[in-house]
Amino acid sequence: MNKILIAADHAGFVLKERLKDYLGKKGIGVEDLGAYSKERCDYPEYAYSLAKAISSGKYKRGVLICKSGIGNSIAANRVAGVRAALCYNLKAARLSREHNDSNVLVLGSAFVKTDLAKRMVIVWLNTNFLGGRHLKRIKLIDKRRSAK
């Protein structure tokens, strides 16, 4: 797998740094889009930056982290071609890939602790999209998005 992107706001900074180190030790390249400290910042800037890079095709997958994950998932999903999935457990992470072909995993640092986040990212990265009836649904979503 090529490099993945990772970004977080101040509330997700510590988890981002831990995941970045962990993934590096696993041999997974990570491009860090910030934030680079725990100083208060605005999550939409990071979510849009990561989502635009995914949408452009330069990167295939990314991970976003903020306190709840909700704001990041809303912001990222406004960008065409992005399917950001807010997940709080392993099953949701796996299903987000199998059924929804998610290309952005969104984590809430208030709900997902480091050990679980590590396992979730690995499951998410190693799970393939099933296609079939799920592809039909992805196409329906894309059709509705372009009909605006």
C-alpha atoms as a PDB file:
ATOM      1  CA  MET A   1       0.000   0.000   0.000  1.00  0.00           C
ATOM      2  CA  ASN A   2       1.153   3.513  -0.764  1.00  0.00           C
ATOM      3  CA  LYS A   3       1.319   6.083   1.981  1.00  0.00           C
ATOM      4  CA  ILE A   4      -1.849   6.929   3.810  1.00  0.00           C
ATOM      5  CA  LEU A   5      -2.757  10.371   5.078  1.00  0.00           C
ATOM      6  CA  ILE A   6      -3.434  11.264   8.680  1.00  0.00           C
ATOM      7  CA  ALA A   7      -4.701  14.491  10.212  1.00  0.00           C
ATOM      8  CA  ALA A   8      -6.189  15.641  13.492  1.00  0.00           C
ATOM      9  CA  ASP A   9      -7.169  18.727  15.382  1.00  0.00           C
ATOM     10  CA  HIS A  10      -5.847  19.556  18.868  1.00  0.00           C
ATOM     11  CA  ALA A  11      -8.178  17.041  20.535  1.00  0.00           C
ATOM     12  CA  GLY A  12      -6.933  14.246  18.280  1.00  0.00           C
ATOM     13  CA  PHE A  13      -3.255  15.237  18.269  1.00  0.00           C
ATOM     14  CA  VAL A  14      -2.008  12.713  20.843  1.00  0.00           C
ATOM     15  CA  LEU A  15      -3.854   9.785  19.241  1.00  0.00           C
ATOM     16  CA  LYS A  16      -2.610  10.869  15.798  1.00  0.00           C
ATOM     17  CA  GLU A  17       0.988  10.861  16.982  1.00  0.00           C
ATOM     18  CA  ARG A  18       0.600   7.423  18.555  1.00  0.00           C
ATOM     19  CA  LEU A  19      -1.003   5.991  15.415  1.00  0.00           C
ATOM     20  CA  LYS A  20       1.653   7.562  13.214  1.00  0.00           C
ATOM     21  CA  ASP A  21       4.430   5.915  15.244  1.00  0.00           C
ATOM     22  CA  TYR A  22       2.623   2.570  15.334  1.00  0.00           C
ATOM     23  CA  LEU A  23       1.938   2.519  11.601  1.00  0.00           C
ATOM     24  CA  GLY A  24       5.527   3.493  10.844  1.00  0.00           C
ATOM     25  CA  LYS A  25       6.764   0.550  12.904  1.00  0.00           C
ATOM     26  CA  LYS A  26       4.387  -1.684  10.899  1.00  0.00           C
ATOM     27  CA  GLY A  27       6.013  -0.445   7.683  1.00  0.00           C
ATOM     28  CA  ILE A  28       3.022   1.637   6.621  1.00  0.00           C
ATOM     29  CA  GLY A  29       3.985   5.039   5.238  1.00  0.00           C
ATOM     30  CA  VAL A  30       2.095   7.948   6.743  1.00  0.00           C
ATOM     31  CA  GLU A  31       1.878  11.526   5.482  1.00  0.00           C
ATOM     32  CA  ASP A  32       0.973  13.837   8.381  1.00  0.00           C
ATOM     33  CA  LEU A  33      -1.182  16.843   7.438  1.00  0.00           C
ATOM     34  CA  GLY A  34      -1.299  18.273  10.981  1.00  0.00           C
ATOM     35  CA  ALA A  35      -2.099  19.518  13.511  1.00  0.00           C
ATOM     36  CA  TYR A  36       1.417  19.551  14.833  1.00  0.00           C
ATOM     37  CA  SER A  37       0.664  20.404  18.458  1.00  0.00           C
ATOM     38  CA  LYS A  38      -2.105  20.401  21.071  1.00  0.00           C
ATOM     39  CA  GLU A  39      -2.696  24.114  20.448  1.00  0.00           C
ATOM     40  CA  ARG A  40      -6.366  24.826  19.765  1.00  0.00           C
ATOM     41  CA  CYS A  41      -7.198  24.786  16.053  1.00  0.00           C
ATOM     42  CA  ASP A  42     -10.128  24.353  13.677  1.00  0.00           C
ATOM     43  CA  TYR A  43     -10.795  20.755  12.586  1.00  0.00           C
ATOM     44  CA  PRO A  44     -12.447  21.636   9.228  1.00  0.00           C
ATOM     45  CA  GLU A  45      -9.118  22.882   7.856  1.00  0.00           C
ATOM     46  CA  TYR A  46      -7.522  19.482   8.424  1.00  0.00           C
ATOM     47  CA  ALA A  47     -10.555  17.508   7.304  1.00  0.00           C
ATOM     48  CA  TYR A  48     -10.803  19.422   4.019  1.00  0.00           C
ATOM     49  CA  SER A  49      -7.075  19.186   3.388  1.00  0.00           C
ATOM     50  CA  LEU A  50      -7.101  15.407   3.788  1.00  0.00           C
ATOM     51  CA  ALA A  51     -10.371  14.966   1.877  1.00  0.00           C
ATOM     52  CA  LYS A  52      -9.146  17.031  -1.079  1.00  0.00           C
ATOM     53  CA  ALA A  53      -5.997  14.890  -1.313  1.00  0.00           C
ATOM     54  CA  ILE A  54      -8.149  11.741  -1.324  1.00  0.00           C
ATOM     55  CA  SER A  55     -10.551  13.234  -3.873  1.00  0.00           C
ATOM     56  CA  SER A  56      -7.679  14.161  -6.198  1.00  0.00           C
ATOM     57  CA  GLY A  57      -6.560  10.528  -6.315  1.00  0.00           C
ATOM     58  CA  LYS A  58      -3.081  11.339  -5.018  1.00  0.00           C
ATOM     59  CA  TYR A  59      -3.802   9.200  -1.953  1.00  0.00           C
ATOM     60  CA  LYS A  60      -6.218   6.296  -1.632  1.00  0.00           C
ATOM     61  CA  ARG A  61      -6.857   6.315   2.128  1.00  0.00           C
ATOM     62  CA  GLY A  62      -6.705   8.614   5.114  1.00  0.00           C
ATOM     63  CA  VAL A  63      -7.437   8.773   8.833  1.00  0.00           C
ATOM     64  CA  LEU A  64      -8.995  11.797  10.547  1.00  0.00           C
ATOM     65  CA  ILE A  65      -9.159  12.295  14.310  1.00  0.00           C
ATOM     66  CA  CYS A  66     -10.945  14.861  16.444  1.00  0.00           C
ATOM     67  CA  LYS A  67     -12.653  14.651  19.840  1.00  0.00           C
ATOM     68  CA  SER A  68     -15.941  13.064  18.723  1.00  0.00           C
ATOM     69  CA  GLY A  69     -15.163  12.390  15.061  1.00  0.00           C
ATOM     70  CA  ILE A  70     -18.502  13.883  14.074  1.00  0.00           C
ATOM     71  CA  GLY A  71     -17.245  17.224  12.762  1.00  0.00           C
ATOM     72  CA  ASN A  72     -14.460  15.628  10.741  1.00  0.00           C
ATOM     73  CA  SER A  73     -16.831  13.120   9.145  1.00  0.00           C
ATOM     74  CA  ILE A  74     -19.319  15.851   8.207  1.00  0.00           C
ATOM     75  CA  ALA A  75     -16.598  18.068   6.717  1.00  0.00           C
ATOM     76  CA  ALA A  76     -14.778  15.303   4.827  1.00  0.00           C
ATOM     77  CA  ASN A  77     -17.983  13.917   3.325  1.00  0.00           C
ATOM     78  CA  ARG A  78     -18.687  17.261   1.661  1.00  0.00           C
ATOM     79  CA  VAL A  79     -15.804  16.601  -0.740  1.00  0.00           C
ATOM     80  CA  ALA A  80     -16.683  14.636  -3.895  1.00  0.00           C
ATOM     81  CA  GLY A  81     -15.344  11.104  -3.981  1.00  0.00           C
ATOM     82  CA  VAL A  82     -14.782  10.912  -0.243  1.00  0.00           C
ATOM     83  CA  ARG A  83     -16.538   8.266   1.814  1.00  0.00           C
ATOM     84  CA  ALA A  84     -15.564   9.094   5.377  1.00  0.00           C
ATOM     85  CA  ALA A  85     -16.765   6.609   7.988  1.00  0.00           C
ATOM     86  CA  LEU A  86     -16.946   7.492  11.666  1.00  0.00           C
ATOM     87  CA  CYS A  87     -16.191   4.260  13.509  1.00  0.00           C
ATOM     88  CA  TYR A  88     -16.039   3.441  17.211  1.00  0.00           C
ATOM     89  CA  ASN A  89     -15.332  -0.300  17.030  1.00  0.00           C
ATOM     90  CA  LEU A  90     -13.671  -3.011  14.945  1.00  0.00           C
ATOM     91  CA  LYS A  91     -16.848  -4.289  13.339  1.00  0.00           C
ATOM     92  CA  ALA A  92     -17.850  -0.838  12.103  1.00  0.00           C
ATOM     93  CA  ALA A  93     -14.343  -0.270  10.692  1.00  0.00           C
ATOM     94  CA  ARG A  94     -14.461  -3.580   8.826  1.00  0.00           C
ATOM     95  CA  LEU A  95     -18.006  -3.040   7.529  1.00  0.00           C
ATOM     96  CA  SER A  96     -17.191   0.506   6.424  1.00  0.00           C
ATOM     97  CA  ARG A  97     -14.692  -1.025   3.983  1.00  0.00           C
ATOM     98  CA  GLU A  98     -16.652  -4.143   2.996  1.00  0.00           C
ATOM     99  CA  HIS A  99     -19.995  -2.444   2.400  1.00  0.00           C
ATOM    100  CA  ASN A 100     -19.217   1.242   1.872  1.00  0.00           C
ATOM    101  CA  ASP A 101     -15.706   1.248   0.376  1.00  0.00           C
ATOM    102  CA  SER A 102     -14.763   3.958   2.864  1.00  0.00           C
ATOM    103  CA  ASN A 103     -11.581   5.790   1.977  1.00  0.00           C
ATOM    104  CA  VAL A 104     -11.368   7.876   5.145  1.00  0.00           C
ATOM    105  CA  LEU A 105     -11.541   6.382   8.626  1.00  0.00           C
ATOM    106  CA  VAL A 106     -12.707   8.904  11.204  1.00  0.00           C
ATOM    107  CA  LEU A 107     -11.957   8.354  14.885  1.00  0.00           C
ATOM    108  CA  GLY A 108     -13.179  10.184  17.964  1.00  0.00           C
ATOM    109  CA  SER A 109     -10.382  10.415  20.526  1.00  0.00           C
ATOM    110  CA  ALA A 110     -12.930  10.752  23.354  1.00  0.00           C
ATOM    111  CA  PHE A 111     -14.348   7.327  22.493  1.00  0.00           C
ATOM    112  CA  VAL A 112     -11.552   5.309  20.892  1.00  0.00           C
ATOM    113  CA  LYS A 113      -8.460   4.715  22.990  1.00  0.00           C
ATOM    114  CA  THR A 114      -5.039   4.035  21.520  1.00  0.00           C
ATOM    115  CA  ASP A 115      -5.011   0.214  21.570  1.00  0.00           C
ATOM    116  CA  LEU A 116      -8.421  -0.027  19.936  1.00  0.00           C
ATOM    117  CA  ALA A 117      -7.526   2.678  17.400  1.00  0.00           C
ATOM    118  CA  LYS A 118      -4.416   0.733  16.366  1.00  0.00           C
ATOM    119  CA  ARG A 119      -6.446  -2.423  15.810  1.00  0.00           C
ATOM    120  CA  MET A 120      -9.176  -0.522  13.974  1.00  0.00           C
ATOM    121  CA  VAL A 121      -6.763   1.115  11.543  1.00  0.00           C
ATOM    122  CA  ILE A 122      -5.084  -2.213  10.731  1.00  0.00           C
ATOM    123  CA  VAL A 123      -8.444  -3.949  10.181  1.00  0.00           C
ATOM    124  CA  TRP A 124      -9.633  -1.019   8.060  1.00  0.00           C
ATOM    125  CA  LEU A 125      -6.472  -0.985   5.941  1.00  0.00           C
ATOM    126  CA  ASN A 126      -6.577  -4.751   5.397  1.00  0.00           C
ATOM    127  CA  THR A 127     -10.274  -5.088   4.545  1.00  0.00           C
ATOM    128  CA  ASN A 128     -11.374  -5.097   0.908  1.00  0.00           C
ATOM    129  CA  PHE A 129     -14.575  -3.712  -0.577  1.00  0.00           C
ATOM    130  CA  LEU A 130     -17.001  -6.533  -1.412  1.00  0.00           C
ATOM    131  CA  GLY A 131     -18.552  -4.838  -4.456  1.00  0.00           C
ATOM    132  CA  GLY A 132     -21.715  -6.478  -5.819  1.00  0.00           C
ATOM    133  CA  ARG A 133     -24.890  -5.055  -4.329  1.00  0.00           C
ATOM    134  CA  HIS A 134     -22.738  -2.673  -2.288  1.00  0.00           C
ATOM    135  CA  LEU A 135     -21.270  -1.134  -5.451  1.00  0.00           C
ATOM    136  CA  LYS A 136     -24.782  -0.418  -6.689  1.00  0.00           C
ATOM    137  CA  ARG A 137     -25.445   1.519  -3.480  1.00  0.00           C
ATOM    138  CA  ILE A 138     -22.193   3.485  -3.745  1.00  0.00           C
ATOM    139  CA  LYS A 139     -23.214   4.463  -7.289  1.00  0.00           C
ATOM    140  CA  LEU A 140     -26.614   5.610  -6.001  1.00  0.00           C
ATOM    141  CA  ILE A 141     -24.892   7.826  -3.438  1.00  0.00           C
ATOM    142  CA  ASP A 142     -22.567   9.274  -6.079  1.00  0.00           C
ATOM    143  CA  LYS A 143     -25.510   9.901  -8.436  1.00  0.00           C
ATOM    144  CA  ARG A 144     -27.423  11.805  -5.756  1.00  0.00           C
ATOM    145  CA  ARG A 145     -24.339  13.829  -4.805  1.00  0.00           C
ATOM    146  CA  SER A 146     -23.841  14.967  -8.430  1.00  0.00           C
ATOM    147  CA  ALA A 147     -27.557  15.805  -8.826  1.00  0.00           C
ATOM    148  CA  LYS A 148     -27.315  18.788  -6.476  1.00  0.00           C
END
